[in-house]
Amino acid sequence: MEQIIDVDGVAVHIEGQGAETIVMLHGWPDTLRLWDGQVRALSGQYRCVRFTLPGFDLAKPRRPMSLDDTVALIERVVRAASPDGSVILLQHDWGSVFGNQFALKHPELVSRIVSVDVGDALSPAFAEQLGLGAKLMTVYYQVWLALAWWIGGWFGDGMSRMMAKALKCPVEPRAIGSQMNYPYFITWFGAYGGYRGASPDMASCRTLYIYGTRKPFMFHTRAWLARLEQAPGSKTLAMKTGHWPMCQLPAEFNAAVLDWLASGRASSLAA
């Protein structure tokens, strides 16, 4: 049975059963619907908690949020959904950025992380690793989306859908709008407090990092990937997909997540 609670005007959906709670964080241009397949696969063993980030719900007005406000919202969701214990984060794209900042600020509230396709992308080493072509591509698509947010309306929506198609986003065009683009606008124009206060560090808890290899460049550094592979209880998994492994190879993705979570739970019980 699905339960829906309200946290600061955001509808938080809770499904499934189990001793552990998984909080799912999406990115651009997605909503909580991104995790439909994962909820079906995981809800038999875990409580699955998900919500659409403010501003990403096209049925509601624009709601750009600062980094601090976003992290604070995640904290309130976690405390409301799991008042007696820490949670597992399942995060993708911008959700990985926001989730990592939350885990750094509140390590006691996060037991493990499953991060999808975005790793240490805020680190100086990541910028240094990118080649000129990747840097130009990053600037192009991000500034395009930032300008689409600024323009807004039907024209901004059209710009956003055009870019989503170019990036092969597995989202229906009608479900994509320029109001989802505010993280890019904040990044490039420093609005709403900017993201310059974001830490370049990565959370130190056990992490499963799943990433697609069929895209122009990676969103992690080779050094961070190597460190994660050596960290006790952590794991990396490359999949022959683009930026959305959970949609492009859902069966393999879900099996990998379930296996890793089960192995971590067994280790905790043994300890």
C-alpha atoms as a PDB file:
ATOM      1  CA  MET A   1       0.000   0.000   0.000  1.00  0.00           C
ATOM      2  CA  GLU A   2       1.273   3.433  -0.939  1.00  0.00           C
ATOM      3  CA  GLN A   3       1.383   6.201   1.630  1.00  0.00           C
ATOM      4  CA  ILE A   4       1.740   9.864   0.662  1.00  0.00           C
ATOM      5  CA  ILE A   5       2.884  12.482   3.145  1.00  0.00           C
ATOM      6  CA  ASP A   6       3.362  16.212   2.643  1.00  0.00           C
ATOM      7  CA  VAL A   7       6.742  17.779   3.391  1.00  0.00           C
ATOM      8  CA  ASP A   8       6.920  21.520   2.705  1.00  0.00           C
ATOM      9  CA  GLY A   9       4.327  21.235  -0.042  1.00  0.00           C
ATOM     10  CA  VAL A  10       6.103  18.275  -1.664  1.00  0.00           C
ATOM     11  CA  ALA A  11       4.223  14.981  -1.973  1.00  0.00           C
ATOM     12  CA  VAL A  12       6.456  12.194  -0.638  1.00  0.00           C
ATOM     13  CA  HIS A  13       5.465   8.685  -1.731  1.00  0.00           C
ATOM     14  CA  ILE A  14       6.284   5.720   0.529  1.00  0.00           C
ATOM     15  CA  GLU A  15       5.856   2.146  -0.714  1.00  0.00           C
ATOM     16  CA  GLY A  16       7.050  -1.283   0.346  1.00  0.00           C
ATOM     17  CA  GLN A  17       8.156  -2.942   3.514  1.00  0.00           C
ATOM     18  CA  GLY A  18      11.362  -3.884   5.246  1.00  0.00           C
ATOM     19  CA  ALA A  19      13.718  -2.856   7.988  1.00  0.00           C
ATOM     20  CA  GLU A  20      15.631  -0.422   5.775  1.00  0.00           C
ATOM     21  CA  THR A  21      14.438   2.678   3.929  1.00  0.00           C
ATOM     22  CA  ILE A  22      15.662   3.802   0.515  1.00  0.00           C
ATOM     23  CA  VAL A  23      15.239   7.476  -0.407  1.00  0.00           C
ATOM     24  CA  MET A  24      15.310   8.004  -4.173  1.00  0.00           C
ATOM     25  CA  LEU A  25      16.544  11.267  -5.703  1.00  0.00           C
ATOM     26  CA  HIS A  26      16.141  12.028  -9.399  1.00  0.00           C
ATOM     27  CA  GLY A  27      17.794  14.574 -11.669  1.00  0.00           C
ATOM     28  CA  TRP A  28      17.087  16.384 -14.930  1.00  0.00           C
ATOM     29  CA  PRO A  29      14.628  16.145 -16.673  1.00  0.00           C
ATOM     30  CA  ASP A  30      12.980  13.525 -14.506  1.00  0.00           C
ATOM     31  CA  THR A  31      10.431  13.208 -11.719  1.00  0.00           C
ATOM     32  CA  LEU A  32       9.736  10.514  -9.140  1.00  0.00           C
ATOM     33  CA  ARG A  33       8.463   8.400 -12.082  1.00  0.00           C
ATOM     34  CA  LEU A  34      12.108   7.704 -12.967  1.00  0.00           C
ATOM     35  CA  TRP A  35      12.175   5.121 -10.178  1.00  0.00           C
ATOM     36  CA  ASP A  36       8.996   3.176 -11.078  1.00  0.00           C
ATOM     37  CA  GLY A  37      10.957   0.074 -12.059  1.00  0.00           C
ATOM     38  CA  GLN A  38      13.152   0.232  -8.985  1.00  0.00           C
ATOM     39  CA  VAL A  39      10.177   0.556  -6.654  1.00  0.00           C
ATOM     40  CA  ARG A  40       8.643  -2.566  -8.215  1.00  0.00           C
ATOM     41  CA  ALA A  41      11.920  -4.456  -7.771  1.00  0.00           C
ATOM     42  CA  LEU A  42      12.871  -3.211  -4.302  1.00  0.00           C
ATOM     43  CA  SER A  43       9.616  -2.637  -2.434  1.00  0.00           C
ATOM     44  CA  GLY A  44       9.282  -6.292  -1.446  1.00  0.00           C
ATOM     45  CA  GLN A  45      12.339  -5.935   0.802  1.00  0.00           C
ATOM     46  CA  TYR A  46      12.756  -2.186   1.411  1.00  0.00           C
ATOM     47  CA  ARG A  47      10.646   0.853   2.170  1.00  0.00           C
ATOM     48  CA  CYS A  48      10.950   3.009  -0.946  1.00  0.00           C
ATOM     49  CA  VAL A  49      10.608   6.773  -0.511  1.00  0.00           C
ATOM     50  CA  ARG A  50      10.547   9.135  -3.467  1.00  0.00           C
ATOM     51  CA  PHE A  51       9.394  12.583  -4.437  1.00  0.00           C
ATOM     52  CA  THR A  52       9.640  15.029  -7.302  1.00  0.00           C
ATOM     53  CA  LEU A  53      12.118  17.817  -6.663  1.00  0.00           C
ATOM     54  CA  PRO A  54      10.466  21.231  -6.230  1.00  0.00           C
ATOM     55  CA  GLY A  55      10.149  22.960  -9.582  1.00  0.00           C
ATOM     56  CA  PHE A  56      10.266  19.701 -11.540  1.00  0.00           C
ATOM     57  CA  ASP A  57       6.525  19.103 -11.237  1.00  0.00           C
ATOM     58  CA  LEU A  58       4.998  20.748 -14.309  1.00  0.00           C
ATOM     59  CA  ALA A  59       1.591  20.814 -12.639  1.00  0.00           C
ATOM     60  CA  LYS A  60       2.937  23.286 -10.080  1.00  0.00           C
ATOM     61  CA  PRO A  61       4.476  26.766 -10.371  1.00  0.00           C
ATOM     62  CA  ARG A  62       8.200  27.370 -10.759  1.00  0.00           C
ATOM     63  CA  ARG A  63      10.093  26.791  -7.533  1.00  0.00           C
ATOM     64  CA  PRO A  64      13.840  27.277  -7.882  1.00  0.00           C
ATOM     65  CA  MET A  65      15.688  26.281  -4.722  1.00  0.00           C
ATOM     66  CA  SER A  66      19.124  27.076  -3.390  1.00  0.00           C
ATOM     67  CA  LEU A  67      21.518  24.277  -2.535  1.00  0.00           C
ATOM     68  CA  ASP A  68      21.000  24.831   1.194  1.00  0.00           C
ATOM     69  CA  ASP A  69      17.222  24.711   0.814  1.00  0.00           C
ATOM     70  CA  THR A  70      17.413  21.552  -1.280  1.00  0.00           C
ATOM     71  CA  VAL A  71      19.617  19.795   1.274  1.00  0.00           C
ATOM     72  CA  ALA A  72      17.312  20.973   4.064  1.00  0.00           C
ATOM     73  CA  LEU A  73      14.301  19.560   2.204  1.00  0.00           C
ATOM     74  CA  ILE A  74      16.025  16.187   1.805  1.00  0.00           C
ATOM     75  CA  GLU A  75      16.748  16.207   5.524  1.00  0.00           C
ATOM     76  CA  ARG A  76      13.109  16.856   6.370  1.00  0.00           C
ATOM     77  CA  VAL A  77      11.988  14.090   4.012  1.00  0.00           C
ATOM     78  CA  VAL A  78      14.459  11.630   5.547  1.00  0.00           C
ATOM     79  CA  ARG A  79      13.488  12.481   9.111  1.00  0.00           C
ATOM     80  CA  ALA A  80       9.764  12.266   8.282  1.00  0.00           C
ATOM     81  CA  ALA A  81      10.046   8.965   6.404  1.00  0.00           C
ATOM     82  CA  SER A  82      12.596   7.293   8.697  1.00  0.00           C
ATOM     83  CA  PRO A  83      12.461   8.953  12.130  1.00  0.00           C
ATOM     84  CA  ASP A  84      14.209   6.097  13.913  1.00  0.00           C
ATOM     85  CA  GLY A  85      17.178   5.374  11.703  1.00  0.00           C
ATOM     86  CA  SER A  86      19.421   6.201   8.770  1.00  0.00           C
ATOM     87  CA  VAL A  87      18.495   5.631   5.138  1.00  0.00           C
ATOM     88  CA  ILE A  88      20.016   4.350   1.923  1.00  0.00           C
ATOM     89  CA  LEU A  89      20.218   6.933  -0.867  1.00  0.00           C
ATOM     90  CA  LEU A  90      19.503   5.911  -4.458  1.00  0.00           C
ATOM     91  CA  GLN A  91      20.422   8.922  -6.560  1.00  0.00           C
ATOM     92  CA  HIS A  92      20.972   9.961 -10.178  1.00  0.00           C
ATOM     93  CA  ASP A  93      22.229  13.022 -12.048  1.00  0.00           C
ATOM     94  CA  TRP A  94      21.461  16.208 -10.032  1.00  0.00           C
ATOM     95  CA  GLY A  95      19.999  13.910  -7.392  1.00  0.00           C
ATOM     96  CA  SER A  96      23.518  12.531  -6.917  1.00  0.00           C
ATOM     97  CA  VAL A  97      24.889  16.040  -6.414  1.00  0.00           C
ATOM     98  CA  PHE A  98      22.202  16.976  -3.906  1.00  0.00           C
ATOM     99  CA  GLY A  99      22.326  13.591  -2.177  1.00  0.00           C
ATOM    100  CA  ASN A 100      26.089  13.737  -1.737  1.00  0.00           C
ATOM    101  CA  GLN A 101      25.880  17.222  -0.214  1.00  0.00           C
ATOM    102  CA  PHE A 102      23.195  15.942   2.156  1.00  0.00           C
ATOM    103  CA  ALA A 103      25.308  12.922   3.138  1.00  0.00           C
ATOM    104  CA  LEU A 104      28.320  15.148   3.814  1.00  0.00           C
ATOM    105  CA  LYS A 105      26.258  17.406   6.070  1.00  0.00           C
ATOM    106  CA  HIS A 106      24.319  14.620   7.806  1.00  0.00           C
ATOM    107  CA  PRO A 107      26.472  11.449   7.705  1.00  0.00           C
ATOM    108  CA  GLU A 108      24.540   9.999  10.637  1.00  0.00           C
ATOM    109  CA  LEU A 109      21.402   9.897   8.477  1.00  0.00           C
ATOM    110  CA  VAL A 110      22.921   7.933   5.563  1.00  0.00           C
ATOM    111  CA  SER A 111      24.013   4.311   5.850  1.00  0.00           C
ATOM    112  CA  ARG A 112      24.837   3.586   2.189  1.00  0.00           C
ATOM    113  CA  ILE A 113      24.611   5.243  -1.211  1.00  0.00           C
ATOM    114  CA  VAL A 114      23.768   3.920  -4.655  1.00  0.00           C
ATOM    115  CA  SER A 115      24.876   6.696  -6.997  1.00  0.00           C
ATOM    116  CA  VAL A 116      24.074   6.488 -10.688  1.00  0.00           C
ATOM    117  CA  ASP A 117      26.252   8.014 -13.399  1.00  0.00           C
ATOM    118  CA  VAL A 118      27.431  11.088 -11.473  1.00  0.00           C
ATOM    119  CA  GLY A 119      30.419  10.795  -9.145  1.00  0.00           C
ATOM    120  CA  ASP A 120      32.939  13.431  -8.102  1.00  0.00           C
ATOM    121  CA  ALA A 121      31.852  15.849 -10.839  1.00  0.00           C
ATOM    122  CA  LEU A 122      32.284  18.869  -8.542  1.00  0.00           C
ATOM    123  CA  SER A 123      35.934  18.155  -7.795  1.00  0.00           C
ATOM    124  CA  PRO A 124      38.728  20.268  -9.326  1.00  0.00           C
ATOM    125  CA  ALA A 125      40.266  17.028 -10.612  1.00  0.00           C
ATOM    126  CA  PHE A 126      37.174  16.356 -12.707  1.00  0.00           C
ATOM    127  CA  ALA A 127      37.435  19.686 -14.513  1.00  0.00           C
ATOM    128  CA  GLU A 128      41.143  19.063 -15.094  1.00  0.00           C
ATOM    129  CA  GLN A 129      40.437  15.605 -16.539  1.00  0.00           C
ATOM    130  CA  LEU A 130      37.924  16.792 -19.133  1.00  0.00           C
ATOM    131  CA  GLY A 131      39.252  17.342 -22.610  1.00  0.00           C
ATOM    132  CA  LEU A 132      38.473  20.470 -24.608  1.00  0.00           C
ATOM    133  CA  GLY A 133      35.681  18.772 -26.546  1.00  0.00           C
ATOM    134  CA  ALA A 134      33.963  17.565 -23.375  1.00  0.00           C
ATOM    135  CA  LYS A 135      34.278  21.013 -21.791  1.00  0.00           C
ATOM    136  CA  LEU A 136      32.728  22.700 -24.827  1.00  0.00           C
ATOM    137  CA  MET A 137      29.916  20.149 -24.902  1.00  0.00           C
ATOM    138  CA  THR A 138      29.239  20.692 -21.185  1.00  0.00           C
ATOM    139  CA  VAL A 139      29.107  24.452 -21.567  1.00  0.00           C
ATOM    140  CA  TYR A 140      26.851  24.174 -24.611  1.00  0.00           C
ATOM    141  CA  TYR A 141      24.144  21.949 -23.171  1.00  0.00           C
ATOM    142  CA  GLN A 142      24.177  23.481 -19.697  1.00  0.00           C
ATOM    143  CA  VAL A 143      24.068  27.112 -20.842  1.00  0.00           C
ATOM    144  CA  TRP A 144      21.373  26.194 -23.370  1.00  0.00           C
ATOM    145  CA  LEU A 145      19.226  24.778 -20.565  1.00  0.00           C
ATOM    146  CA  ALA A 146      20.010  27.734 -18.304  1.00  0.00           C
ATOM    147  CA  LEU A 147      18.862  30.150 -21.010  1.00  0.00           C
ATOM    148  CA  ALA A 148      15.747  28.038 -21.593  1.00  0.00           C
ATOM    149  CA  TRP A 149      14.880  28.448 -17.917  1.00  0.00           C
ATOM    150  CA  TRP A 150      15.407  32.221 -18.142  1.00  0.00           C
ATOM    151  CA  ILE A 151      13.261  32.515 -21.289  1.00  0.00           C
ATOM    152  CA  GLY A 152      10.546  30.210 -19.982  1.00  0.00           C
ATOM    153  CA  GLY A 153       7.130  29.767 -21.557  1.00  0.00           C
ATOM    154  CA  TRP A 154       6.478  27.695 -24.642  1.00  0.00           C
ATOM    155  CA  PHE A 155       9.753  28.755 -26.249  1.00  0.00           C
ATOM    156  CA  GLY A 156      11.839  27.742 -23.219  1.00  0.00           C
ATOM    157  CA  ASP A 157       9.934  24.464 -23.030  1.00  0.00           C
ATOM    158  CA  GLY A 158      10.694  23.814 -26.692  1.00  0.00           C
ATOM    159  CA  MET A 159      14.384  24.498 -26.139  1.00  0.00           C
ATOM    160  CA  SER A 160      14.402  22.088 -23.192  1.00  0.00           C
ATOM    161  CA  ARG A 161      12.689  19.329 -25.171  1.00  0.00           C
ATOM    162  CA  MET A 162      15.050  19.831 -28.086  1.00  0.00           C
ATOM    163  CA  MET A 163      18.067  19.368 -25.821  1.00  0.00           C
ATOM    164  CA  ALA A 164      16.482  16.383 -24.072  1.00  0.00           C
ATOM    165  CA  LYS A 165      16.011  14.725 -27.460  1.00  0.00           C
ATOM    166  CA  ALA A 166      19.615  15.445 -28.424  1.00  0.00           C
ATOM    167  CA  LEU A 167      20.802  13.904 -25.135  1.00  0.00           C
ATOM    168  CA  LYS A 168      18.560  10.839 -25.715  1.00  0.00           C
ATOM    169  CA  CYS A 169      16.580  11.333 -22.511  1.00  0.00           C
ATOM    170  CA  PRO A 170      14.078   8.485 -21.991  1.00  0.00           C
ATOM    171  CA  VAL A 171      11.341  10.941 -20.980  1.00  0.00           C
ATOM    172  CA  GLU A 172       8.197  11.859 -22.902  1.00  0.00           C
ATOM    173  CA  PRO A 173       8.640  15.366 -24.372  1.00  0.00           C
ATOM    174  CA  ARG A 174       5.345  16.540 -22.888  1.00  0.00           C
ATOM    175  CA  ALA A 175       6.723  15.724 -19.411  1.00  0.00           C
ATOM    176  CA  ILE A 176       9.704  18.081 -19.893  1.00  0.00           C
ATOM    177  CA  GLY A 177       9.554  21.807 -19.189  1.00  0.00           C
ATOM    178  CA  SER A 178      11.975  24.696 -18.825  1.00  0.00           C
ATOM    179  CA  GLN A 179      11.084  25.098 -15.144  1.00  0.00           C
ATOM    180  CA  MET A 180      13.091  21.912 -14.497  1.00  0.00           C
ATOM    181  CA  ASN A 181      16.260  23.674 -15.640  1.00  0.00           C
ATOM    182  CA  TYR A 182      16.891  25.903 -12.638  1.00  0.00           C
ATOM    183  CA  PRO A 183      19.952  23.921 -11.402  1.00  0.00           C
ATOM    184  CA  TYR A 184      21.721  24.922 -14.629  1.00  0.00           C
ATOM    185  CA  PHE A 185      20.598  28.534 -14.309  1.00  0.00           C
ATOM    186  CA  ILE A 186      21.872  28.626 -10.727  1.00  0.00           C
ATOM    187  CA  THR A 187      25.156  27.001 -11.766  1.00  0.00           C
ATOM    188  CA  TRP A 188      25.966  29.460 -14.525  1.00  0.00           C
ATOM    189  CA  PHE A 189      24.404  32.685 -13.252  1.00  0.00           C
ATOM    190  CA  GLY A 190      24.828  32.305  -9.487  1.00  0.00           C
ATOM    191  CA  ALA A 191      21.157  32.971  -8.803  1.00  0.00           C
ATOM    192  CA  TYR A 192      19.330  31.896  -5.630  1.00  0.00           C
ATOM    193  CA  GLY A 193      22.516  31.642  -3.620  1.00  0.00           C
ATOM    194  CA  GLY A 194      24.457  29.791  -6.295  1.00  0.00           C
ATOM    195  CA  TYR A 195      26.170  26.421  -5.901  1.00  0.00           C
ATOM    196  CA  ARG A 196      29.655  27.719  -5.114  1.00  0.00           C
ATOM    197  CA  GLY A 197      29.225  26.616  -1.518  1.00  0.00           C
ATOM    198  CA  ALA A 198      28.923  22.990  -2.590  1.00  0.00           C
ATOM    199  CA  SER A 199      31.663  20.762  -1.206  1.00  0.00           C
ATOM    200  CA  PRO A 200      33.879  19.003  -3.783  1.00  0.00           C
ATOM    201  CA  ASP A 201      34.319  16.095  -1.349  1.00  0.00           C
ATOM    202  CA  MET A 202      32.497  12.786  -1.604  1.00  0.00           C
ATOM    203  CA  ALA A 203      30.618  11.055   1.195  1.00  0.00           C
ATOM    204  CA  SER A 204      32.690   8.374   2.889  1.00  0.00           C
ATOM    205  CA  CYS A 205      29.958   5.794   3.480  1.00  0.00           C
ATOM    206  CA  ARG A 206      29.786   2.529   1.534  1.00  0.00           C
ATOM    207  CA  THR A 207      28.848   3.276  -2.051  1.00  0.00           C
ATOM    208  CA  LEU A 208      27.726   1.403  -5.140  1.00  0.00           C
ATOM    209  CA  TYR A 209      28.511   3.516  -8.184  1.00  0.00           C
ATOM    210  CA  ILE A 210      26.812   2.470 -11.415  1.00  0.00           C
ATOM    211  CA  TYR A 211      27.638   4.321 -14.603  1.00  0.00           C
ATOM    212  CA  GLY A 212      26.951   4.038 -18.312  1.00  0.00           C
ATOM    213  CA  THR A 213      29.855   3.768 -20.737  1.00  0.00           C
ATOM    214  CA  ARG A 214      28.037   4.693 -23.951  1.00  0.00           C
ATOM    215  CA  LYS A 215      28.221   8.461 -23.728  1.00  0.00           C
ATOM    216  CA  PRO A 216      30.717  11.114 -24.840  1.00  0.00           C
ATOM    217  CA  PHE A 217      32.399  11.467 -21.441  1.00  0.00           C
ATOM    218  CA  MET A 218      32.144  10.267 -17.859  1.00  0.00           C
ATOM    219  CA  PHE A 219      30.890  12.251 -14.862  1.00  0.00           C
ATOM    220  CA  HIS A 220      33.633  11.014 -12.528  1.00  0.00           C
ATOM    221  CA  THR A 221      37.406  10.977 -12.327  1.00  0.00           C
ATOM    222  CA  ARG A 222      39.452   7.851 -12.867  1.00  0.00           C
ATOM    223  CA  ALA A 223      41.215   8.429  -9.535  1.00  0.00           C
ATOM    224  CA  TRP A 224      37.961   8.575  -7.551  1.00  0.00           C
ATOM    225  CA  LEU A 225      36.713   5.428  -9.304  1.00  0.00           C
ATOM    226  CA  ALA A 226      39.930   3.610  -8.362  1.00  0.00           C
ATOM    227  CA  ARG A 227      39.661   4.724  -4.722  1.00  0.00           C
ATOM    228  CA  LEU A 228      36.061   3.586  -4.560  1.00  0.00           C
ATOM    229  CA  GLU A 229      36.951   0.179  -5.969  1.00  0.00           C
ATOM    230  CA  GLN A 230      39.439  -0.268  -3.120  1.00  0.00           C
ATOM    231  CA  ALA A 231      37.127   0.960  -0.364  1.00  0.00           C
ATOM    232  CA  PRO A 232      35.763  -1.846   1.866  1.00  0.00           C
ATOM    233  CA  GLY A 233      32.104  -2.541   1.115  1.00  0.00           C
ATOM    234  CA  SER A 234      31.997  -0.249  -1.915  1.00  0.00           C
ATOM    235  CA  LYS A 235      31.732  -1.272  -5.548  1.00  0.00           C
ATOM    236  CA  THR A 236      31.705   0.188  -9.051  1.00  0.00           C
ATOM    237  CA  LEU A 237      29.780  -1.198 -12.003  1.00  0.00           C
ATOM    238  CA  ALA A 238      30.088  -0.111 -15.628  1.00  0.00           C
ATOM    239  CA  MET A 239      27.043  -0.810 -17.789  1.00  0.00           C
ATOM    240  CA  LYS A 240      26.709  -0.629 -21.570  1.00  0.00           C
ATOM    241  CA  THR A 241      24.176   2.187 -21.435  1.00  0.00           C
ATOM    242  CA  GLY A 242      23.958   5.929 -21.687  1.00  0.00           C
ATOM    243  CA  HIS A 243      23.164   8.256 -18.788  1.00  0.00           C
ATOM    244  CA  TRP A 244      20.059   6.327 -17.638  1.00  0.00           C
ATOM    245  CA  PRO A 245      21.124   2.723 -16.819  1.00  0.00           C
ATOM    246  CA  MET A 246      17.997   2.123 -14.719  1.00  0.00           C
ATOM    247  CA  CYS A 247      15.836   2.719 -17.793  1.00  0.00           C
ATOM    248  CA  GLN A 248      18.042   1.229 -20.494  1.00  0.00           C
ATOM    249  CA  LEU A 249      18.965  -2.041 -18.736  1.00  0.00           C
ATOM    250  CA  PRO A 250      16.444  -2.188 -15.873  1.00  0.00           C
ATOM    251  CA  ALA A 251      16.668  -5.911 -15.092  1.00  0.00           C
ATOM    252  CA  GLU A 252      20.464  -5.874 -14.835  1.00  0.00           C
ATOM    253  CA  PHE A 253      20.418  -2.607 -12.900  1.00  0.00           C
ATOM    254  CA  ASN A 254      17.871  -3.820 -10.355  1.00  0.00           C
ATOM    255  CA  ALA A 255      19.683  -7.135  -9.860  1.00  0.00           C
ATOM    256  CA  ALA A 256      22.977  -5.341  -9.213  1.00  0.00           C
ATOM    257  CA  VAL A 257      21.393  -3.003  -6.677  1.00  0.00           C
ATOM    258  CA  LEU A 258      19.603  -5.827  -4.861  1.00  0.00           C
ATOM    259  CA  ASP A 259      22.746  -7.985  -4.728  1.00  0.00           C
ATOM    260  CA  TRP A 260      24.889  -5.154  -3.365  1.00  0.00           C
ATOM    261  CA  LEU A 261      22.328  -4.130  -0.783  1.00  0.00           C
ATOM    262  CA  ALA A 262      21.938  -7.746   0.345  1.00  0.00           C
ATOM    263  CA  SER A 263      25.697  -8.219   0.691  1.00  0.00           C
ATOM    264  CA  GLY A 264      25.961  -5.045   2.766  1.00  0.00           C
ATOM    265  CA  ARG A 265      23.128  -6.111   5.004  1.00  0.00           C
ATOM    266  CA  ALA A 266      24.745  -9.519   5.538  1.00  0.00           C
ATOM    267  CA  SER A 267      28.052  -7.862   6.449  1.00  0.00           C
ATOM    268  CA  SER A 268      26.302  -5.609   8.978  1.00  0.00           C
ATOM    269  CA  LEU A 269      24.582  -8.563  10.615  1.00  0.00           C
ATOM    270  CA  ALA A 270      27.856 -10.506  10.781  1.00  0.00           C
ATOM    271  CA  ALA A 271      29.580  -7.582  12.436  1.00  0.00           C
END
